[in-house]
Amino acid sequence: FHILGYYIGRVVVAIFTLGRIQCDRLLADTPRRKMRWGGTFHRRGQRIYLTSEMTAAIGVIFVVLLVVGGFLIYYLTR
């Protein structure tokens, strides 16, 4: 799920933030002292980068919301 969620999350983050927030590489190693807000993001210069774990979580949550939304639309229109 991590790899698939990561690539879906990259697309979702790019679309919803209009490119203001970047995503780390899949296997990036960021020192813990640089991470902010529970290890979900960090800064490099003026840019904000989401960690690969957070990017994957966003991707998986997006897919779950799509499935639940599709099920609700199907159920309510029947």
PDB file of N, CA and C in Angstrom:
ATOM      1  N   PHE A   1       0.814  -1.207   0.000  1.00  0.00           N
ATOM      2  CA  PHE A   1       0.000   0.000   0.000  1.00  0.00           C
ATOM      3  C   PHE A   1       0.852   1.262   0.000  1.00  0.00           C
ATOM      4  N   HIS A   2       2.028   1.160   0.569  1.00  0.00           N
ATOM      5  CA  HIS A   2       2.863   2.347   0.714  1.00  0.00           C
ATOM      6  C   HIS A   2       3.268   2.915  -0.644  1.00  0.00           C
ATOM      7  N   ILE A   3       3.707   2.071  -1.541  1.00  0.00           N
ATOM      8  CA  ILE A   3       4.186   2.555  -2.843  1.00  0.00           C
ATOM      9  C   ILE A   3       3.027   3.103  -3.671  1.00  0.00           C
ATOM     10  N   LEU A   4       1.934   2.371  -3.736  1.00  0.00           N
ATOM     11  CA  LEU A   4       0.767   2.830  -4.498  1.00  0.00           C
ATOM     12  C   LEU A   4       0.179   4.097  -3.877  1.00  0.00           C
ATOM     13  N   GLY A   5       0.056   4.110  -2.563  1.00  0.00           N
ATOM     14  CA  GLY A   5      -0.456   5.295  -1.876  1.00  0.00           C
ATOM     15  C   GLY A   5       0.449   6.497  -2.062  1.00  0.00           C
ATOM     16  N   TYR A   6       1.765   6.257  -2.117  1.00  0.00           N
ATOM     17  CA  TYR A   6       2.714   7.353  -2.301  1.00  0.00           C
ATOM     18  C   TYR A   6       2.495   8.038  -3.651  1.00  0.00           C
ATOM     19  N   TYR A   7       2.397   7.254  -4.714  1.00  0.00           N
ATOM     20  CA  TYR A   7       2.249   7.862  -6.042  1.00  0.00           C
ATOM     21  C   TYR A   7       0.886   8.530  -6.213  1.00  0.00           C
ATOM     22  N   ILE A   8      -0.156   7.955  -5.656  1.00  0.00           N
ATOM     23  CA  ILE A   8      -1.473   8.609  -5.685  1.00  0.00           C
ATOM     24  C   ILE A   8      -1.421   9.880  -4.841  1.00  0.00           C
ATOM     25  N   GLY A   9      -0.771   9.809  -3.678  1.00  0.00           N
ATOM     26  CA  GLY A   9      -0.648  10.975  -2.806  1.00  0.00           C
ATOM     27  C   GLY A   9       0.117  12.118  -3.440  1.00  0.00           C
ATOM     28  N   ARG A  10       1.152  11.814  -4.215  1.00  0.00           N
ATOM     29  CA  ARG A  10       1.899  12.874  -4.910  1.00  0.00           C
ATOM     30  C   ARG A  10       0.990  13.660  -5.832  1.00  0.00           C
ATOM     31  N   VAL A  11       0.143  12.945  -6.564  1.00  0.00           N
ATOM     32  CA  VAL A  11      -0.783  13.608  -7.491  1.00  0.00           C
ATOM     33  C   VAL A  11      -1.813  14.425  -6.716  1.00  0.00           C
ATOM     34  N   VAL A  12      -2.369  13.838  -5.662  1.00  0.00           N
ATOM     35  CA  VAL A  12      -3.396  14.516  -4.867  1.00  0.00           C
ATOM     36  C   VAL A  12      -2.831  15.770  -4.213  1.00  0.00           C
ATOM     37  N   VAL A  13      -1.639  15.669  -3.631  1.00  0.00           N
ATOM     38  CA  VAL A  13      -1.016  16.831  -2.977  1.00  0.00           C
ATOM     39  C   VAL A  13      -0.725  17.922  -3.994  1.00  0.00           C
ATOM     40  N   ALA A  14      -0.224  17.549  -5.149  1.00  0.00           N
ATOM     41  CA  ALA A  14       0.088  18.552  -6.181  1.00  0.00           C
ATOM     42  C   ALA A  14      -1.172  19.271  -6.653  1.00  0.00           C
ATOM     43  N   ILE A  15      -2.273  18.538  -6.802  1.00  0.00           N
ATOM     44  CA  ILE A  15      -3.515  19.147  -7.274  1.00  0.00           C
ATOM     45  C   ILE A  15      -4.145  20.025  -6.204  1.00  0.00           C
ATOM     46  N   PHE A  16      -4.282  19.506  -4.978  1.00  0.00           N
ATOM     47  CA  PHE A  16      -5.000  20.239  -3.939  1.00  0.00           C
ATOM     48  C   PHE A  16      -4.208  21.406  -3.352  1.00  0.00           C
ATOM     49  N   THR A  17      -2.880  21.358  -3.397  1.00  0.00           N
ATOM     50  CA  THR A  17      -2.103  22.479  -2.862  1.00  0.00           C
ATOM     51  C   THR A  17      -1.604  23.403  -3.963  1.00  0.00           C
ATOM     52  N   LEU A  18      -1.938  23.082  -5.193  1.00  0.00           N
ATOM     53  CA  LEU A  18      -1.518  23.873  -6.359  1.00  0.00           C
ATOM     54  C   LEU A  18      -0.001  24.046  -6.416  1.00  0.00           C
ATOM     55  N   GLY A  19       0.719  23.028  -5.985  1.00  0.00           N
ATOM     56  CA  GLY A  19       2.169  23.034  -6.073  1.00  0.00           C
ATOM     57  C   GLY A  19       2.893  23.751  -4.954  1.00  0.00           C
ATOM     58  N   ARG A  20       2.180  24.260  -3.979  1.00  0.00           N
ATOM     59  CA  ARG A  20       2.838  24.982  -2.875  1.00  0.00           C
ATOM     60  C   ARG A  20       3.557  24.044  -1.919  1.00  0.00           C
ATOM     61  N   ILE A  21       3.029  22.832  -1.755  1.00  0.00           N
ATOM     62  CA  ILE A  21       3.657  21.839  -0.889  1.00  0.00           C
ATOM     63  C   ILE A  21       4.236  20.749  -1.769  1.00  0.00           C
ATOM     64  N   GLN A  22       5.493  20.417  -1.555  1.00  0.00           N
ATOM     65  CA  GLN A  22       6.176  19.381  -2.317  1.00  0.00           C
ATOM     66  C   GLN A  22       6.162  18.071  -1.532  1.00  0.00           C
ATOM     67  N   CYS A  23       6.483  16.976  -2.196  1.00  0.00           N
ATOM     68  CA  CYS A  23       6.576  15.670  -1.544  1.00  0.00           C
ATOM     69  C   CYS A  23       8.019  15.193  -1.609  1.00  0.00           C
ATOM     70  N   ASP A  24       8.481  14.605  -0.495  1.00  0.00           N
ATOM     71  CA  ASP A  24       9.813  14.010  -0.470  1.00  0.00           C
ATOM     72  C   ASP A  24       9.878  12.835  -1.430  1.00  0.00           C
ATOM     73  N   ARG A  25      11.092  12.431  -1.768  1.00  0.00           N
ATOM     74  CA  ARG A  25      11.263  11.217  -2.550  1.00  0.00           C
ATOM     75  C   ARG A  25      10.790  10.031  -1.727  1.00  0.00           C
ATOM     76  N   LEU A  26      10.551   8.917  -2.386  1.00  0.00           N
ATOM     77  CA  LEU A  26      10.004   7.738  -1.722  1.00  0.00           C
ATOM     78  C   LEU A  26      10.931   7.214  -0.634  1.00  0.00           C
ATOM     79  N   LEU A  27      12.221   7.170  -0.881  1.00  0.00           N
ATOM     80  CA  LEU A  27      13.166   6.636   0.090  1.00  0.00           C
ATOM     81  C   LEU A  27      14.057   7.715   0.696  1.00  0.00           C
ATOM     82  N   ALA A  28      13.553   8.921   0.808  1.00  0.00           N
ATOM     83  CA  ALA A  28      14.336  10.020   1.372  1.00  0.00           C
ATOM     84  C   ALA A  28      14.576   9.797   2.862  1.00  0.00           C
ATOM     85  N   ASP A  29      15.764  10.138   3.309  1.00  0.00           N
ATOM     86  CA  ASP A  29      16.116   9.997   4.715  1.00  0.00           C
ATOM     87  C   ASP A  29      16.278  11.397   5.304  1.00  0.00           C
ATOM     88  N   THR A  30      15.284  11.840   6.050  1.00  0.00           N
ATOM     89  CA  THR A  30      15.298  13.172   6.640  1.00  0.00           C
ATOM     90  C   THR A  30      15.616  13.048   8.127  1.00  0.00           C
ATOM     91  N   PRO A  31      16.576  13.826   8.612  1.00  0.00           N
ATOM     92  CA  PRO A  31      16.887  13.771  10.047  1.00  0.00           C
ATOM     93  C   PRO A  31      15.675  14.162  10.891  1.00  0.00           C
ATOM     94  N   ARG A  32      15.488  13.476  11.999  1.00  0.00           N
ATOM     95  CA  ARG A  32      14.337  13.730  12.871  1.00  0.00           C
ATOM     96  C   ARG A  32      14.312  15.154  13.416  1.00  0.00           C
ATOM     97  N   ARG A  33      15.457  15.746  13.629  1.00  0.00           N
ATOM     98  CA  ARG A  33      15.471  17.087  14.216  1.00  0.00           C
ATOM     99  C   ARG A  33      14.919  18.141  13.259  1.00  0.00           C
ATOM    100  N   LYS A  34      14.846  17.837  11.968  1.00  0.00           N
ATOM    101  CA  LYS A  34      14.311  18.788  10.999  1.00  0.00           C
ATOM    102  C   LYS A  34      12.798  18.663  10.828  1.00  0.00           C
ATOM    103  N   MET A  35      12.224  17.553  11.271  1.00  0.00           N
ATOM    104  CA  MET A  35      10.797  17.316  11.039  1.00  0.00           C
ATOM    105  C   MET A  35       9.929  18.139  11.979  1.00  0.00           C
ATOM    106  N   ARG A  36       8.766  18.483  11.492  1.00  0.00           N
ATOM    107  CA  ARG A  36       7.821  19.279  12.255  1.00  0.00           C
ATOM    108  C   ARG A  36       6.506  18.524  12.383  1.00  0.00           C
ATOM    109  N   TRP A  37       5.737  18.865  13.398  1.00  0.00           N
ATOM    110  CA  TRP A  37       4.370  18.424  13.612  1.00  0.00           C
ATOM    111  C   TRP A  37       4.251  16.911  13.527  1.00  0.00           C
ATOM    112  N   GLY A  38       4.957  16.224  14.400  1.00  0.00           N
ATOM    113  CA  GLY A  38       4.875  14.776  14.491  1.00  0.00           C
ATOM    114  C   GLY A  38       5.531  14.034  13.344  1.00  0.00           C
ATOM    115  N   GLY A  39       6.448  14.656  12.648  1.00  0.00           N
ATOM    116  CA  GLY A  39       7.147  13.996  11.558  1.00  0.00           C
ATOM    117  C   GLY A  39       6.389  13.957  10.249  1.00  0.00           C
ATOM    118  N   THR A  40       5.407  14.833  10.071  1.00  0.00           N
ATOM    119  CA  THR A  40       4.627  14.815   8.841  1.00  0.00           C
ATOM    120  C   THR A  40       5.214  15.685   7.744  1.00  0.00           C
ATOM    121  N   PHE A  41       5.987  16.715   8.119  1.00  0.00           N
ATOM    122  CA  PHE A  41       6.585  17.572   7.092  1.00  0.00           C
ATOM    123  C   PHE A  41       7.859  18.196   7.633  1.00  0.00           C
ATOM    124  N   HIS A  42       8.611  18.816   6.735  1.00  0.00           N
ATOM    125  CA  HIS A  42       9.807  19.558   7.111  1.00  0.00           C
ATOM    126  C   HIS A  42      10.032  20.654   6.074  1.00  0.00           C
ATOM    127  N   ARG A  43      10.910  21.556   6.395  1.00  0.00           N
ATOM    128  CA  ARG A  43      11.199  22.678   5.496  1.00  0.00           C
ATOM    129  C   ARG A  43      12.605  22.555   4.936  1.00  0.00           C
ATOM    130  N   ARG A  44      12.741  22.927   3.689  1.00  0.00           N
ATOM    131  CA  ARG A  44      14.044  23.100   3.047  1.00  0.00           C
ATOM    132  C   ARG A  44      14.021  24.492   2.443  1.00  0.00           C
ATOM    133  N   GLY A  45      14.724  25.387   3.078  1.00  0.00           N
ATOM    134  CA  GLY A  45      14.660  26.777   2.637  1.00  0.00           C
ATOM    135  C   GLY A  45      13.279  27.324   2.916  1.00  0.00           C
ATOM    136  N   GLN A  46      12.626  27.816   1.886  1.00  0.00           N
ATOM    137  CA  GLN A  46      11.270  28.364   2.037  1.00  0.00           C
ATOM    138  C   GLN A  46      10.183  27.363   1.652  1.00  0.00           C
ATOM    139  N   ARG A  47      10.570  26.188   1.169  1.00  0.00           N
ATOM    140  CA  ARG A  47       9.591  25.205   0.706  1.00  0.00           C
ATOM    141  C   ARG A  47       9.218  24.217   1.802  1.00  0.00           C
ATOM    142  N   ILE A  48       7.981  23.758   1.755  1.00  0.00           N
ATOM    143  CA  ILE A  48       7.485  22.744   2.681  1.00  0.00           C
ATOM    144  C   ILE A  48       7.438  21.416   1.933  1.00  0.00           C
ATOM    145  N   TYR A  49       7.989  20.375   2.563  1.00  0.00           N
ATOM    146  CA  TYR A  49       8.012  19.039   1.986  1.00  0.00           C
ATOM    147  C   TYR A  49       7.300  18.065   2.918  1.00  0.00           C
ATOM    148  N   LEU A  50       6.336  17.323   2.378  1.00  0.00           N
ATOM    149  CA  LEU A  50       5.701  16.258   3.147  1.00  0.00           C
ATOM    150  C   LEU A  50       6.618  15.043   3.136  1.00  0.00           C
ATOM    151  N   THR A  51       6.653  14.308   4.225  1.00  0.00           N
ATOM    152  CA  THR A  51       7.441  13.077   4.251  1.00  0.00           C
ATOM    153  C   THR A  51       6.762  12.032   3.365  1.00  0.00           C
ATOM    154  N   SER A  52       7.504  11.021   2.983  1.00  0.00           N
ATOM    155  CA  SER A  52       6.930   9.988   2.112  1.00  0.00           C
ATOM    156  C   SER A  52       5.812   9.233   2.830  1.00  0.00           C
ATOM    157  N   GLU A  53       5.928   9.072   4.146  1.00  0.00           N
ATOM    158  CA  GLU A  53       4.877   8.383   4.894  1.00  0.00           C
ATOM    159  C   GLU A  53       3.571   9.179   4.880  1.00  0.00           C
ATOM    160  N   MET A  54       3.674  10.475   5.057  1.00  0.00           N
ATOM    161  CA  MET A  54       2.477  11.319   5.032  1.00  0.00           C
ATOM    162  C   MET A  54       1.879  11.371   3.631  1.00  0.00           C
ATOM    163  N   THR A  55       2.723  11.406   2.613  1.00  0.00           N
ATOM    164  CA  THR A  55       2.238  11.400   1.241  1.00  0.00           C
ATOM    165  C   THR A  55       1.479  10.113   0.950  1.00  0.00           C
ATOM    166  N   ALA A  56       2.026   8.977   1.404  1.00  0.00           N
ATOM    167  CA  ALA A  56       1.352   7.688   1.211  1.00  0.00           C
ATOM    168  C   ALA A  56       0.034   7.648   1.975  1.00  0.00           C
ATOM    169  N   ALA A  57       0.002   8.188   3.181  1.00  0.00           N
ATOM    170  CA  ALA A  57      -1.231   8.211   3.971  1.00  0.00           C
ATOM    171  C   ALA A  57      -2.303   9.038   3.272  1.00  0.00           C
ATOM    172  N   ILE A  58      -1.924  10.162   2.704  1.00  0.00           N
ATOM    173  CA  ILE A  58      -2.878  10.995   1.973  1.00  0.00           C
ATOM    174  C   ILE A  58      -3.426  10.238   0.771  1.00  0.00           C
ATOM    175  N   GLY A  59      -2.554   9.512   0.070  1.00  0.00           N
ATOM    176  CA  GLY A  59      -3.001   8.713  -1.076  1.00  0.00           C
ATOM    177  C   GLY A  59      -3.977   7.628  -0.686  1.00  0.00           C
ATOM    178  N   VAL A  60      -3.702   6.910   0.389  1.00  0.00           N
ATOM    179  CA  VAL A  60      -4.587   5.832   0.841  1.00  0.00           C
ATOM    180  C   VAL A  60      -5.920   6.409   1.321  1.00  0.00           C
ATOM    181  N   ILE A  61      -5.874   7.508   2.063  1.00  0.00           N
ATOM    182  CA  ILE A  61      -7.114   8.141   2.531  1.00  0.00           C
ATOM    183  C   ILE A  61      -7.960   8.612   1.357  1.00  0.00           C
ATOM    184  N   PHE A  62      -7.314   9.144   0.319  1.00  0.00           N
ATOM    185  CA  PHE A  62      -8.034   9.595  -0.867  1.00  0.00           C
ATOM    186  C   PHE A  62      -8.742   8.428  -1.550  1.00  0.00           C
ATOM    187  N   VAL A  63      -8.048   7.293  -1.682  1.00  0.00           N
ATOM    188  CA  VAL A  63      -8.661   6.110  -2.310  1.00  0.00           C
ATOM    189  C   VAL A  63      -9.832   5.609  -1.468  1.00  0.00           C
ATOM    190  N   VAL A  64      -9.670   5.578  -0.154  1.00  0.00           N
ATOM    191  CA  VAL A  64     -10.760   5.130   0.722  1.00  0.00           C
ATOM    192  C   VAL A  64     -11.968   6.056   0.578  1.00  0.00           C
ATOM    193  N   LEU A  65     -11.725   7.357   0.523  1.00  0.00           N
ATOM    194  CA  LEU A  65     -12.836   8.296   0.347  1.00  0.00           C
ATOM    195  C   LEU A  65     -13.528   8.113  -0.997  1.00  0.00           C
ATOM    196  N   LEU A  66     -12.764   7.812  -2.046  1.00  0.00           N
ATOM    197  CA  LEU A  66     -13.370   7.551  -3.351  1.00  0.00           C
ATOM    198  C   LEU A  66     -14.247   6.303  -3.313  1.00  0.00           C
ATOM    199  N   VAL A  67     -13.772   5.248  -2.671  1.00  0.00           N
ATOM    200  CA  VAL A  67     -14.545   4.003  -2.586  1.00  0.00           C
ATOM    201  C   VAL A  67     -15.815   4.226  -1.769  1.00  0.00           C
ATOM    202  N   VAL A  68     -15.693   4.881  -0.628  1.00  0.00           N
ATOM    203  CA  VAL A  68     -16.862   5.152   0.213  1.00  0.00           C
ATOM    204  C   VAL A  68     -17.850   6.062  -0.520  1.00  0.00           C
ATOM    205  N   GLY A  69     -17.348   7.080  -1.200  1.00  0.00           N
ATOM    206  CA  GLY A  69     -18.222   7.962  -1.967  1.00  0.00           C
ATOM    207  C   GLY A  69     -18.926   7.240  -3.098  1.00  0.00           C
ATOM    208  N   GLY A  70     -18.213   6.378  -3.796  1.00  0.00           N
ATOM    209  CA  GLY A  70     -18.832   5.590  -4.861  1.00  0.00           C
ATOM    210  C   GLY A  70     -19.892   4.652  -4.323  1.00  0.00           C
ATOM    211  N   PHE A  71     -19.607   4.040  -3.175  1.00  0.00           N
ATOM    212  CA  PHE A  71     -20.595   3.160  -2.556  1.00  0.00           C
ATOM    213  C   PHE A  71     -21.832   3.943  -2.140  1.00  0.00           C
ATOM    214  N   LEU A  72     -21.643   5.108  -1.557  1.00  0.00           N
ATOM    215  CA  LEU A  72     -22.794   5.925  -1.136  1.00  0.00           C
ATOM    216  C   LEU A  72     -23.630   6.370  -2.324  1.00  0.00           C
ATOM    217  N   ILE A  73     -22.974   6.768  -3.389  1.00  0.00           N
ATOM    218  CA  ILE A  73     -23.729   7.177  -4.600  1.00  0.00           C
ATOM    219  C   ILE A  73     -24.515   5.996  -5.149  1.00  0.00           C
ATOM    220  N   TYR A  74     -23.870   4.835  -5.202  1.00  0.00           N
ATOM    221  CA  TYR A  74     -24.563   3.630  -5.678  1.00  0.00           C
ATOM    222  C   TYR A  74     -25.742   3.271  -4.777  1.00  0.00           C
ATOM    223  N   TYR A  75     -25.516   3.303  -3.485  1.00  0.00           N
ATOM    224  CA  TYR A  75     -26.542   2.911  -2.516  1.00  0.00           C
ATOM    225  C   TYR A  75     -27.719   3.892  -2.527  1.00  0.00           C
ATOM    226  N   LEU A  76     -27.431   5.189  -2.599  1.00  0.00           N
ATOM    227  CA  LEU A  76     -28.495   6.195  -2.517  1.00  0.00           C
ATOM    228  C   LEU A  76     -29.284   6.323  -3.814  1.00  0.00           C
ATOM    229  N   THR A  77     -28.724   5.933  -4.937  1.00  0.00           N
ATOM    230  CA  THR A  77     -29.451   6.038  -6.201  1.00  0.00           C
ATOM    231  C   THR A  77     -30.227   4.768  -6.522  1.00  0.00           C
ATOM    232  N   ARG A  78     -30.053   3.727  -5.747  1.00  0.00           N
ATOM    233  CA  ARG A  78     -30.782   2.471  -5.978  1.00  0.00           C
ATOM    234  C   ARG A  78     -32.171   2.526  -5.470  1.00  0.00           C
TER     235      ARG A  78
END
